PDB file of N, CA and C in Angstrom:
ATOM      1  N   GLN A   1      82.190-196.497  95.628  1.00  0.00           N
ATOM      2  CA  GLN A   1      83.331-196.170  94.918  1.00  0.00           C
ATOM      3  C   GLN A   1      83.471-194.689  94.801  1.00  0.00           C
ATOM      4  N   VAL A   2      84.543-194.127  95.179  1.00  0.00           N
ATOM      5  CA  VAL A   2      84.623-192.611  95.258  1.00  0.00           C
ATOM      6  C   VAL A   2      85.046-192.180  93.881  1.00  0.00           C
ATOM      7  N   ARG A   3      84.273-191.534  93.174  1.00  0.00           N
ATOM      8  CA  ARG A   3      84.588-190.959  91.874  1.00  0.00           C
ATOM      9  C   ARG A   3      84.000-189.583  91.704  1.00  0.00           C
ATOM     10  N   LEU A   4      83.320-189.144  92.469  1.00  0.00           N
ATOM     11  CA  LEU A   4      82.769-187.683  92.513  1.00  0.00           C
ATOM     12  C   LEU A   4      83.634-186.828  93.278  1.00  0.00           C
ATOM     13  N   VAL A   5      83.669-185.635  93.077  1.00  0.00           N
ATOM     14  CA  VAL A   5      84.433-184.527  93.684  1.00  0.00           C
ATOM     15  C   VAL A   5      83.535-183.458  94.213  1.00  0.00           C
ATOM     16  N   GLU A   6      83.426-183.256  95.389  1.00  0.00           N
ATOM     17  CA  GLU A   6      82.606-182.213  96.101  1.00  0.00           C
ATOM     18  C   GLU A   6      83.476-181.119  96.509  1.00  0.00           C
ATOM     19  N   SER A   7      82.911-179.895  96.531  1.00  0.00           N
ATOM     20  CA  SER A   7      83.658-178.738  97.120  1.00  0.00           C
ATOM     21  C   SER A   7      82.784-177.669  97.478  1.00  0.00           C
ATOM     22  N   GLY A   8      83.147-176.657  98.203  1.00  0.00           N
ATOM     23  CA  GLY A   8      82.389-175.481  98.497  1.00  0.00           C
ATOM     24  C   GLY A   8      81.936-175.361  99.931  1.00  0.00           C
ATOM     25  N   GLY A   9      82.240-176.317 100.727  1.00  0.00           N
ATOM     26  CA  GLY A   9      81.737-176.291 102.166  1.00  0.00           C
ATOM     27  C   GLY A   9      82.653-175.302 102.942  1.00  0.00           C
ATOM     28  N   GLY A  10      82.182-175.012 104.127  1.00  0.00           N
ATOM     29  CA  GLY A  10      82.967-174.055 104.987  1.00  0.00           C
ATOM     30  C   GLY A  10      82.175-173.740 106.174  1.00  0.00           C
ATOM     31  N   LEU A  11      82.713-172.679 106.869  1.00  0.00           N
ATOM     32  CA  LEU A  11      82.125-172.103 108.123  1.00  0.00           C
ATOM     33  C   LEU A  11      81.390-170.775 107.765  1.00  0.00           C
ATOM     34  N   VAL A  12      80.099-170.769 108.168  1.00  0.00           N
ATOM     35  CA  VAL A  12      79.283-169.507 107.789  1.00  0.00           C
ATOM     36  C   VAL A  12      78.352-169.213 108.983  1.00  0.00           C
ATOM     37  N   GLN A  13      78.113-168.016 109.132  1.00  0.00           N
ATOM     38  CA  GLN A  13      77.151-167.593 110.210  1.00  0.00           C
ATOM     39  C   GLN A  13      75.727-167.844 109.807  1.00  0.00           C
ATOM     40  N   PRO A  14      74.795-168.055 110.798  1.00  0.00           N
ATOM     41  CA  PRO A  14      73.378-168.186 110.438  1.00  0.00           C
ATOM     42  C   PRO A  14      72.835-167.037 109.551  1.00  0.00           C
ATOM     43  N   GLY A  15      72.071-167.465 108.578  1.00  0.00           N
ATOM     44  CA  GLY A  15      71.615-166.587 107.542  1.00  0.00           C
ATOM     45  C   GLY A  15      72.465-166.461 106.332  1.00  0.00           C
ATOM     46  N   GLY A  16      73.576-166.911 106.401  1.00  0.00           N
ATOM     47  CA  GLY A  16      74.569-166.848 105.309  1.00  0.00           C
ATOM     48  C   GLY A  16      74.403-167.889 104.248  1.00  0.00           C
ATOM     49  N   SER A  17      75.293-167.854 103.177  1.00  0.00           N
ATOM     50  CA  SER A  17      75.082-168.713 102.091  1.00  0.00           C
ATOM     51  C   SER A  17      76.421-169.457 101.673  1.00  0.00           C
ATOM     52  N   LEU A  18      76.257-170.591 101.065  1.00  0.00           N
ATOM     53  CA  LEU A  18      77.299-171.278 100.473  1.00  0.00           C
ATOM     54  C   LEU A  18      76.858-171.988  99.172  1.00  0.00           C
ATOM     55  N   ARG A  19      77.770-172.217  98.220  1.00  0.00           N
ATOM     56  CA  ARG A  19      77.459-172.968  97.076  1.00  0.00           C
ATOM     57  C   ARG A  19      78.286-174.175  96.964  1.00  0.00           C
ATOM     58  N   LEU A  20      77.777-175.280  97.111  1.00  0.00           N
ATOM     59  CA  LEU A  20      78.460-176.623  96.927  1.00  0.00           C
ATOM     60  C   LEU A  20      78.491-177.071  95.509  1.00  0.00           C
ATOM     61  N   SER A  21      79.653-177.660  95.084  1.00  0.00           N
ATOM     62  CA  SER A  21      79.816-178.189  93.803  1.00  0.00           C
ATOM     63  C   SER A  21      80.060-179.606  93.727  1.00  0.00           C
ATOM     64  N   CYS A  22      79.558-180.447  92.833  1.00  0.00           N
ATOM     65  CA  CYS A  22      79.819-181.773  92.796  1.00  0.00           C
ATOM     66  C   CYS A  22      79.987-182.104  91.258  1.00  0.00           C
ATOM     67  N   THR A  23      81.147-182.806  90.875  1.00  0.00           N
ATOM     68  CA  THR A  23      81.496-183.080  89.534  1.00  0.00           C
ATOM     69  C   THR A  23      81.673-184.609  89.461  1.00  0.00           C
ATOM     70  N   ALA A  24      81.121-185.035  88.311  1.00  0.00           N
ATOM     71  CA  ALA A  24      81.267-186.468  87.933  1.00  0.00           C
ATOM     72  C   ALA A  24      82.326-186.611  86.817  1.00  0.00           C
ATOM     73  N   PRO A  25      82.771-187.822  86.625  1.00  0.00           N
ATOM     74  CA  PRO A  25      83.786-188.178  85.496  1.00  0.00           C
ATOM     75  C   PRO A  25      83.149-188.287  84.145  1.00  0.00           C
ATOM     76  N   GLU A  26      81.926-188.001  84.031  1.00  0.00           N
ATOM     77  CA  GLU A  26      81.204-188.107  82.717  1.00  0.00           C
ATOM     78  C   GLU A  26      80.045-187.161  82.668  1.00  0.00           C
ATOM     79  N   THR A  27      79.515-186.890  81.415  1.00  0.00           N
ATOM     80  CA  THR A  27      78.414-186.076  81.374  1.00  0.00           C
ATOM     81  C   THR A  27      77.057-186.974  81.704  1.00  0.00           C
ATOM     82  N   PHE A  28      76.082-186.137  82.071  1.00  0.00           N
ATOM     83  CA  PHE A  28      74.844-186.781  82.391  1.00  0.00           C
ATOM     84  C   PHE A  28      74.260-187.484  81.091  1.00  0.00           C
ATOM     85  N   TRP A  29      73.606-188.720  81.416  1.00  0.00           N
ATOM     86  CA  TRP A  29      73.082-189.379  80.364  1.00  0.00           C
ATOM     87  C   TRP A  29      71.992-190.286  80.924  1.00  0.00           C
ATOM     88  N   GLY A  30      71.069-190.654  80.012  1.00  0.00           N
ATOM     89  CA  GLY A  30      70.048-191.748  80.349  1.00  0.00           C
ATOM     90  C   GLY A  30      69.102-191.439  81.542  1.00  0.00           C
ATOM     91  N   GLY A  31      69.056-190.158  82.023  1.00  0.00           N
ATOM     92  CA  GLY A  31      68.088-189.709  82.998  1.00  0.00           C
ATOM     93  C   GLY A  31      68.622-190.061  84.325  1.00  0.00           C
ATOM     94  N   HIS A  32      69.864-190.368  84.498  1.00  0.00           N
ATOM     95  CA  HIS A  32      70.451-190.799  85.884  1.00  0.00           C
ATOM     96  C   HIS A  32      70.329-189.495  86.682  1.00  0.00           C
ATOM     97  N   VAL A  33      70.110-189.654  87.938  1.00  0.00           N
ATOM     98  CA  VAL A  33      69.889-188.670  88.947  1.00  0.00           C
ATOM     99  C   VAL A  33      71.213-188.486  89.764  1.00  0.00           C
ATOM    100  N   MET A  34      71.475-187.230  89.934  1.00  0.00           N
ATOM    101  CA  MET A  34      72.454-186.839  90.886  1.00  0.00           C
ATOM    102  C   MET A  34      71.868-186.237  92.227  1.00  0.00           C
ATOM    103  N   THR A  35      72.353-186.711  93.379  1.00  0.00           N
ATOM    104  CA  THR A  35      71.608-186.440  94.625  1.00  0.00           C
ATOM    105  C   THR A  35      72.594-185.851  95.696  1.00  0.00           C
ATOM    106  N   TRP A  36      72.189-184.962  96.350  1.00  0.00           N
ATOM    107  CA  TRP A  36      72.892-184.497  97.471  1.00  0.00           C
ATOM    108  C   TRP A  36      72.342-184.983  98.753  1.00  0.00           C
ATOM    109  N   TYR A  37      73.121-185.555  99.659  1.00  0.00           N
ATOM    110  CA  TYR A  37      72.779-186.087 100.858  1.00  0.00           C
ATOM    111  C   TYR A  37      73.548-185.225 102.077  1.00  0.00           C
ATOM    112  N   ARG A  38      73.174-185.488 103.204  1.00  0.00           N
ATOM    113  CA  ARG A  38      73.915-185.068 104.317  1.00  0.00           C
ATOM    114  C   ARG A  38      74.062-186.184 105.290  1.00  0.00           C
ATOM    115  N   ARG A  39      74.995-186.152 105.953  1.00  0.00           N
ATOM    116  CA  ARG A  39      75.334-187.162 107.027  1.00  0.00           C
ATOM    117  C   ARG A  39      76.326-186.726 108.120  1.00  0.00           C
ATOM    118  N   THR A  40      76.029-186.985 109.315  1.00  0.00           N
ATOM    119  CA  THR A  40      76.919-186.795 110.377  1.00  0.00           C
ATOM    120  C   THR A  40      77.592-188.155 110.708  1.00  0.00           C
ATOM    121  N   THR A  41      78.898-188.224 111.057  1.00  0.00           N
ATOM    122  CA  THR A  41      79.544-189.500 111.349  1.00  0.00           C
ATOM    123  C   THR A  41      78.691-190.411 112.161  1.00  0.00           C
ATOM    124  N   GLY A  42      78.621-191.583 111.710  1.00  0.00           N
ATOM    125  CA  GLY A  42      77.741-192.538 112.365  1.00  0.00           C
ATOM    126  C   GLY A  42      76.381-192.652 112.054  1.00  0.00           C
ATOM    127  N   ASN A  43      75.791-191.593 111.274  1.00  0.00           N
ATOM    128  CA  ASN A  43      74.497-191.612 111.097  1.00  0.00           C
ATOM    129  C   ASN A  43      74.133-192.026 109.707  1.00  0.00           C
ATOM    130  N   ASP A  44      72.873-192.261 109.408  1.00  0.00           N
ATOM    131  CA  ASP A  44      72.485-192.619 108.020  1.00  0.00           C
ATOM    132  C   ASP A  44      72.510-191.418 107.116  1.00  0.00           C
ATOM    133  N   ARG A  45      72.579-191.586 105.843  1.00  0.00           N
ATOM    134  CA  ARG A  45      72.404-190.522 104.945  1.00  0.00           C
ATOM    135  C   ARG A  45      70.985-190.003 104.814  1.00  0.00           C
ATOM    136  N   VAL A  46      70.815-188.664 104.777  1.00  0.00           N
ATOM    137  CA  VAL A  46      69.592-187.993 104.669  1.00  0.00           C
ATOM    138  C   VAL A  46      69.475-187.244 103.414  1.00  0.00           C
ATOM    139  N   PHE A  47      68.517-187.528 102.641  1.00  0.00           N
ATOM    140  CA  PHE A  47      68.168-186.784 101.398  1.00  0.00           C
ATOM    141  C   PHE A  47      68.058-185.290 101.473  1.00  0.00           C
ATOM    142  N   VAL A  48      68.790-184.544 100.630  1.00  0.00           N
ATOM    143  CA  VAL A  48      68.650-183.118 100.585  1.00  0.00           C
ATOM    144  C   VAL A  48      67.962-182.721  99.321  1.00  0.00           C
ATOM    145  N   ALA A  49      68.592-183.044  98.165  1.00  0.00           N
ATOM    146  CA  ALA A  49      67.996-182.629  96.900  1.00  0.00           C
ATOM    147  C   ALA A  49      68.536-183.496  95.829  1.00  0.00           C
ATOM    148  N   SER A  50      67.736-183.488  94.653  1.00  0.00           N
ATOM    149  CA  SER A  50      68.222-184.354  93.580  1.00  0.00           C
ATOM    150  C   SER A  50      67.734-183.622  92.215  1.00  0.00           C
ATOM    151  N   ILE A  51      68.441-183.979  91.148  1.00  0.00           N
ATOM    152  CA  ILE A  51      68.026-183.496  89.843  1.00  0.00           C
ATOM    153  C   ILE A  51      68.581-184.476  88.715  1.00  0.00           C
ATOM    154  N   SER A  52      67.977-184.404  87.644  1.00  0.00           N
ATOM    155  CA  SER A  52      68.404-185.140  86.468  1.00  0.00           C
ATOM    156  C   SER A  52      68.144-184.255  85.171  1.00  0.00           C
ATOM    157  N   GLU A  53      68.623-184.662  84.045  1.00  0.00           N
ATOM    158  CA  GLU A  53      68.331-184.002  82.854  1.00  0.00           C
ATOM    159  C   GLU A  53      66.853-184.036  82.389  1.00  0.00           C
ATOM    160  N   ARG A  54      66.147-184.986  82.926  1.00  0.00           N
ATOM    161  CA  ARG A  54      64.802-185.259  82.475  1.00  0.00           C
ATOM    162  C   ARG A  54      63.756-184.736  83.500  1.00  0.00           C
ATOM    163  N   ASP A  55      64.022-184.540  84.710  1.00  0.00           N
ATOM    164  CA  ASP A  55      63.058-184.321  85.806  1.00  0.00           C
ATOM    165  C   ASP A  55      63.379-182.988  86.503  1.00  0.00           C
ATOM    166  N   ASP A  56      62.263-182.406  87.064  1.00  0.00           N
ATOM    167  CA  ASP A  56      62.413-181.198  87.873  1.00  0.00           C
ATOM    168  C   ASP A  56      63.196-181.567  89.137  1.00  0.00           C
ATOM    169  N   PRO A  57      63.901-180.644  89.773  1.00  0.00           N
ATOM    170  CA  PRO A  57      64.497-180.873  90.949  1.00  0.00           C
ATOM    171  C   PRO A  57      63.559-181.279  92.185  1.00  0.00           C
ATOM    172  N   ILE A  58      64.041-181.967  93.052  1.00  0.00           N
ATOM    173  CA  ILE A  58      63.241-182.501  94.272  1.00  0.00           C
ATOM    174  C   ILE A  58      64.086-182.073  95.491  1.00  0.00           C
ATOM    175  N   TYR A  59      63.301-181.630  96.437  1.00  0.00           N
ATOM    176  CA  TYR A  59      63.975-181.123  97.700  1.00  0.00           C
ATOM    177  C   TYR A  59      63.337-181.730  98.955  1.00  0.00           C
ATOM    178  N   ALA A  60      64.131-181.916  99.974  1.00  0.00           N
ATOM    179  CA  ALA A  60      63.646-182.255 101.292  1.00  0.00           C
ATOM    180  C   ALA A  60      62.818-181.113 101.736  1.00  0.00           C
ATOM    181  N   ASP A  61      61.790-181.346 102.581  1.00  0.00           N
ATOM    182  CA  ASP A  61      60.877-180.230 103.077  1.00  0.00           C
ATOM    183  C   ASP A  61      61.753-179.292 103.922  1.00  0.00           C
ATOM    184  N   SER A  62      62.880-179.775 104.561  1.00  0.00           N
ATOM    185  CA  SER A  62      63.640-178.835 105.521  1.00  0.00           C
ATOM    186  C   SER A  62      64.319-177.860 104.657  1.00  0.00           C
ATOM    187  N   VAL A  63      64.647-178.050 103.435  1.00  0.00           N
ATOM    188  CA  VAL A  63      65.427-176.998 102.657  1.00  0.00           C
ATOM    189  C   VAL A  63      64.613-176.315 101.549  1.00  0.00           C
ATOM    190  N   LYS A  64      63.360-176.664 101.359  1.00  0.00           N
ATOM    191  CA  LYS A  64      62.636-175.998 100.340  1.00  0.00           C
ATOM    192  C   LYS A  64      62.567-174.665 100.558  1.00  0.00           C
ATOM    193  N   GLY A  65      62.704-173.824  99.352  1.00  0.00           N
ATOM    194  CA  GLY A  65      62.674-172.349  99.536  1.00  0.00           C
ATOM    195  C   GLY A  65      63.996-171.773  99.932  1.00  0.00           C
ATOM    196  N   ARG A  66      65.011-172.533 100.398  1.00  0.00           N
ATOM    197  CA  ARG A  66      66.243-172.024 100.846  1.00  0.00           C
ATOM    198  C   ARG A  66      67.412-172.575 100.006  1.00  0.00           C
ATOM    199  N   PHE A  67      67.357-173.756  99.578  1.00  0.00           N
ATOM    200  CA  PHE A  67      68.389-174.486  98.717  1.00  0.00           C
ATOM    201  C   PHE A  67      67.922-174.605  97.292  1.00  0.00           C
ATOM    202  N   ALA A  68      68.879-174.502  96.382  1.00  0.00           N
ATOM    203  CA  ALA A  68      68.583-174.760  94.905  1.00  0.00           C
ATOM    204  C   ALA A  68      69.486-175.651  94.212  1.00  0.00           C
ATOM    205  N   ILE A  69      69.233-176.687  93.620  1.00  0.00           N
ATOM    206  CA  ILE A  69      70.060-177.609  92.953  1.00  0.00           C
ATOM    207  C   ILE A  69      70.049-177.216  91.457  1.00  0.00           C
ATOM    208  N   SER A  70      71.149-177.219  90.718  1.00  0.00           N
ATOM    209  CA  SER A  70      71.215-176.957  89.405  1.00  0.00           C
ATOM    210  C   SER A  70      72.330-177.690  88.720  1.00  0.00           C
ATOM    211  N   MET A  71      72.254-177.980  87.352  1.00  0.00           N
ATOM    212  CA  MET A  71      73.396-178.499  86.621  1.00  0.00           C
ATOM    213  C   MET A  71      74.386-177.513  86.289  1.00  0.00           C
ATOM    214  N   ASN A  72      75.593-177.950  86.196  1.00  0.00           N
ATOM    215  CA  ASN A  72      76.656-177.006  85.744  1.00  0.00           C
ATOM    216  C   ASN A  72      76.674-176.893  84.235  1.00  0.00           C
ATOM    217  N   ASN A  73      77.495-176.019  83.652  1.00  0.00           N
ATOM    218  CA  ASN A  73      77.461-175.656  82.186  1.00  0.00           C
ATOM    219  C   ASN A  73      77.987-176.866  81.427  1.00  0.00           C
ATOM    220  N   HIS A  74      78.920-177.695  82.061  1.00  0.00           N
ATOM    221  CA  HIS A  74      79.507-178.748  81.320  1.00  0.00           C
ATOM    222  C   HIS A  74      78.631-180.058  81.381  1.00  0.00           C
ATOM    223  N   ASN A  75      77.525-180.041  82.036  1.00  0.00           N
ATOM    224  CA  ASN A  75      76.579-181.026  82.039  1.00  0.00           C
ATOM    225  C   ASN A  75      77.313-182.258  82.720  1.00  0.00           C
ATOM    226  N   ASN A  76      78.151-182.115  83.545  1.00  0.00           N
ATOM    227  CA  ASN A  76      78.813-183.248  84.290  1.00  0.00           C
ATOM    228  C   ASN A  76      78.817-183.009  85.769  1.00  0.00           C
ATOM    229  N   GLY A  77      78.023-182.165  86.285  1.00  0.00           N
ATOM    230  CA  GLY A  77      77.908-181.953  87.758  1.00  0.00           C
ATOM    231  C   GLY A  77      76.763-180.959  88.026  1.00  0.00           C
ATOM    232  N   VAL A  78      76.798-180.881  89.397  1.00  0.00           N
ATOM    233  CA  VAL A  78      75.640-180.050  89.876  1.00  0.00           C
ATOM    234  C   VAL A  78      76.170-178.969  90.967  1.00  0.00           C
ATOM    235  N   TYR A  79      75.375-177.964  91.244  1.00  0.00           N
ATOM    236  CA  TYR A  79      75.665-177.073  92.327  1.00  0.00           C
ATOM    237  C   TYR A  79      74.570-177.254  93.327  1.00  0.00           C
ATOM    238  N   LEU A  80      74.775-176.905  94.554  1.00  0.00           N
ATOM    239  CA  LEU A  80      73.804-176.703  95.560  1.00  0.00           C
ATOM    240  C   LEU A  80      73.981-175.440  96.217  1.00  0.00           C
ATOM    241  N   GLN A  81      73.045-174.381  95.798  1.00  0.00           N
ATOM    242  CA  GLN A  81      73.098-173.110  96.481  1.00  0.00           C
ATOM    243  C   GLN A  81      72.333-173.298  97.736  1.00  0.00           C
ATOM    244  N   MET A  82      73.056-172.852  98.803  1.00  0.00           N
ATOM    245  CA  MET A  82      72.382-172.904 100.124  1.00  0.00           C
ATOM    246  C   MET A  82      72.329-171.529 100.665  1.00  0.00           C
ATOM    247  N   ASN A  83      70.999-171.082 100.829  1.00  0.00           N
ATOM    248  CA  ASN A  83      70.852-169.760 101.352  1.00  0.00           C
ATOM    249  C   ASN A  83      70.114-169.856 102.723  1.00  0.00           C
ATOM    250  N   SER A  84      70.117-168.717 103.442  1.00  0.00           N
ATOM    251  CA  SER A  84      69.447-168.703 104.739  1.00  0.00           C
ATOM    252  C   SER A  84      69.832-169.912 105.623  1.00  0.00           C
ATOM    253  N   LEU A  85      71.054-170.138 105.740  1.00  0.00           N
ATOM    254  CA  LEU A  85      71.618-171.281 106.361  1.00  0.00           C
ATOM    255  C   LEU A  85      71.222-171.164 107.852  1.00  0.00           C
ATOM    256  N   LYS A  86      71.013-172.338 108.412  1.00  0.00           N
ATOM    257  CA  LYS A  86      70.715-172.440 109.949  1.00  0.00           C
ATOM    258  C   LYS A  86      71.676-173.355 110.565  1.00  0.00           C
ATOM    259  N   PRO A  87      71.879-173.241 111.886  1.00  0.00           N
ATOM    260  CA  PRO A  87      72.743-174.176 112.625  1.00  0.00           C
ATOM    261  C   PRO A  87      72.413-175.631 112.416  1.00  0.00           C
ATOM    262  N   GLU A  88      71.214-175.868 112.219  1.00  0.00           N
ATOM    263  CA  GLU A  88      70.824-177.375 112.006  1.00  0.00           C
ATOM    264  C   GLU A  88      71.152-177.780 110.619  1.00  0.00           C
ATOM    265  N   ASP A  89      71.623-176.890 109.780  1.00  0.00           N
ATOM    266  CA  ASP A  89      72.037-177.473 108.386  1.00  0.00           C
ATOM    267  C   ASP A  89      73.576-177.953 108.516  1.00  0.00           C
ATOM    268  N   THR A  90      74.158-177.780 109.665  1.00  0.00           N
ATOM    269  CA  THR A  90      75.552-178.271 109.851  1.00  0.00           C
ATOM    270  C   THR A  90      75.639-179.751 109.649  1.00  0.00           C
ATOM    271  N   ASP A  91      76.491-180.229 108.896  1.00  0.00           N
ATOM    272  CA  ASP A  91      76.581-181.490 108.548  1.00  0.00           C
ATOM    273  C   ASP A  91      77.664-181.804 107.408  1.00  0.00           C
ATOM    274  N   GLY A  92      78.007-183.036 107.160  1.00  0.00           N
ATOM    275  CA  GLY A  92      78.858-183.333 106.023  1.00  0.00           C
ATOM    276  C   GLY A  92      77.753-183.576 104.842  1.00  0.00           C
ATOM    277  N   TYR A  93      78.260-182.970 103.706  1.00  0.00           N
ATOM    278  CA  TYR A  93      77.341-183.067 102.450  1.00  0.00           C
ATOM    279  C   TYR A  93      77.994-183.905 101.349  1.00  0.00           C
ATOM    280  N   TYR A  94      77.341-184.809 100.827  1.00  0.00           N
ATOM    281  CA  TYR A  94      77.885-185.766  99.944  1.00  0.00           C
ATOM    282  C   TYR A  94      76.876-185.820  98.728  1.00  0.00           C
ATOM    283  N   CYS A  95      77.548-186.073  97.554  1.00  0.00           N
ATOM    284  CA  CYS A  95      76.678-186.210  96.334  1.00  0.00           C
ATOM    285  C   CYS A  95      76.792-187.649  95.895  1.00  0.00           C
ATOM    286  N   GLY A  96      75.860-188.217  95.198  1.00  0.00           N
ATOM    287  CA  GLY A  96      75.807-189.484  94.799  1.00  0.00           C
ATOM    288  C   GLY A  96      75.291-189.595  93.321  1.00  0.00           C
ATOM    289  N   TYR A  97      75.883-190.360  92.534  1.00  0.00           N
ATOM    290  CA  TYR A  97      75.501-190.505  91.049  1.00  0.00           C
ATOM    291  C   TYR A  97      75.852-191.826  90.543  1.00  0.00           C
ATOM    292  N   ARG A  98      75.008-192.640  90.064  1.00  0.00           N
ATOM    293  CA  ARG A  98      75.193-193.883  89.437  1.00  0.00           C
ATOM    294  C   ARG A  98      76.083-194.842  90.392  1.00  0.00           C
ATOM    295  N   GLY A  99      75.762-194.713  91.677  1.00  0.00           N
ATOM    296  CA  GLY A  99      76.498-195.645  92.561  1.00  0.00           C
ATOM    297  C   GLY A  99      77.820-195.147  93.049  1.00  0.00           C
ATOM    298  N   TRP A 100      78.169-193.962  92.486  1.00  0.00           N
ATOM    299  CA  TRP A 100      79.417-193.396  92.856  1.00  0.00           C
ATOM    300  C   TRP A 100      79.232-192.375  93.903  1.00  0.00           C
ATOM    301  N   TRP A 101      80.284-192.092  94.765  1.00  0.00           N
ATOM    302  CA  TRP A 101      80.179-191.078  95.826  1.00  0.00           C
ATOM    303  C   TRP A 101      81.426-190.292  95.840  1.00  0.00           C
ATOM    304  N   GLY A 102      81.303-189.199  96.555  1.00  0.00           N
ATOM    305  CA  GLY A 102      82.552-188.407  96.765  1.00  0.00           C
ATOM    306  C   GLY A 102      82.903-188.449  98.239  1.00  0.00           C
ATOM    307  N   ALA A 103      83.987-187.759  98.623  1.00  0.00           N
ATOM    308  CA  ALA A 103      84.455-187.817  99.931  1.00  0.00           C
ATOM    309  C   ALA A 103      83.702-186.791 100.910  1.00  0.00           C
ATOM    310  N   GLY A 104      82.857-186.013 100.316  1.00  0.00           N
ATOM    311  CA  GLY A 104      82.018-185.102 101.115  1.00  0.00           C
ATOM    312  C   GLY A 104      82.676-183.671 101.359  1.00  0.00           C
ATOM    313  N   THR A 105      81.839-182.751 101.738  1.00  0.00           N
ATOM    314  CA  THR A 105      82.379-181.473 101.977  1.00  0.00           C
ATOM    315  C   THR A 105      81.576-180.928 103.325  1.00  0.00           C
ATOM    316  N   GLN A 106      82.318-180.420 104.339  1.00  0.00           N
ATOM    317  CA  GLN A 106      81.732-180.022 105.481  1.00  0.00           C
ATOM    318  C   GLN A 106      81.111-178.661 105.493  1.00  0.00           C
ATOM    319  N   VAL A 107      79.849-178.530 105.983  1.00  0.00           N
ATOM    320  CA  VAL A 107      79.200-177.274 106.184  1.00  0.00           C
ATOM    321  C   VAL A 107      78.938-177.120 107.618  1.00  0.00           C
ATOM    322  N   THR A 108      79.379-175.958 108.150  1.00  0.00           N
ATOM    323  CA  THR A 108      79.273-175.673 109.605  1.00  0.00           C
ATOM    324  C   THR A 108      78.598-174.319 109.669  1.00  0.00           C
ATOM    325  N   VAL A 109      77.463-174.248 110.269  1.00  0.00           N
ATOM    326  CA  VAL A 109      76.753-172.980 110.443  1.00  0.00           C
ATOM    327  C   VAL A 109      76.675-172.534 111.915  1.00  0.00           C
ATOM    328  N   CYS A 110      77.422-171.470 112.412  1.00  0.00           N
ATOM    329  CA  CYS A 110      77.467-171.119 113.669  1.00  0.00           C
ATOM    330  C   CYS A 110      77.864-169.668 113.762  1.00  0.00           C
ATOM    331  N   SER A 111      77.488-169.114 114.856  1.00  0.00           N
ATOM    332  CA  SER A 111      77.832-167.725 115.092  1.00  0.00           C
ATOM    333  C   SER A 111      79.070-167.574 116.107  1.00  0.00           C
TER     334      SER A 111
END
């Protein structure tokens, strides 16, 4: 069920930065986790990062030290700050929360 709204993707050169945003129709509660995934058409989702109001962020090894996930000020969404982007980061990025999904936002890294 598509109930989340992602934004912030785009075309960037290697070494550049983007900030993705994901917003849910409710504020966080009950320790539910919001997660960023990546997926290319036809492939499975790959975990990128996750966060909840109760736990520290968790990151895939491929993005540790480069990406940072954080909650927004309204406590109903998250940001994914993507720094030092590489061509291999190119993909569709999706967030998931309580079984809800968004339509995704495309990140393309190339020179």
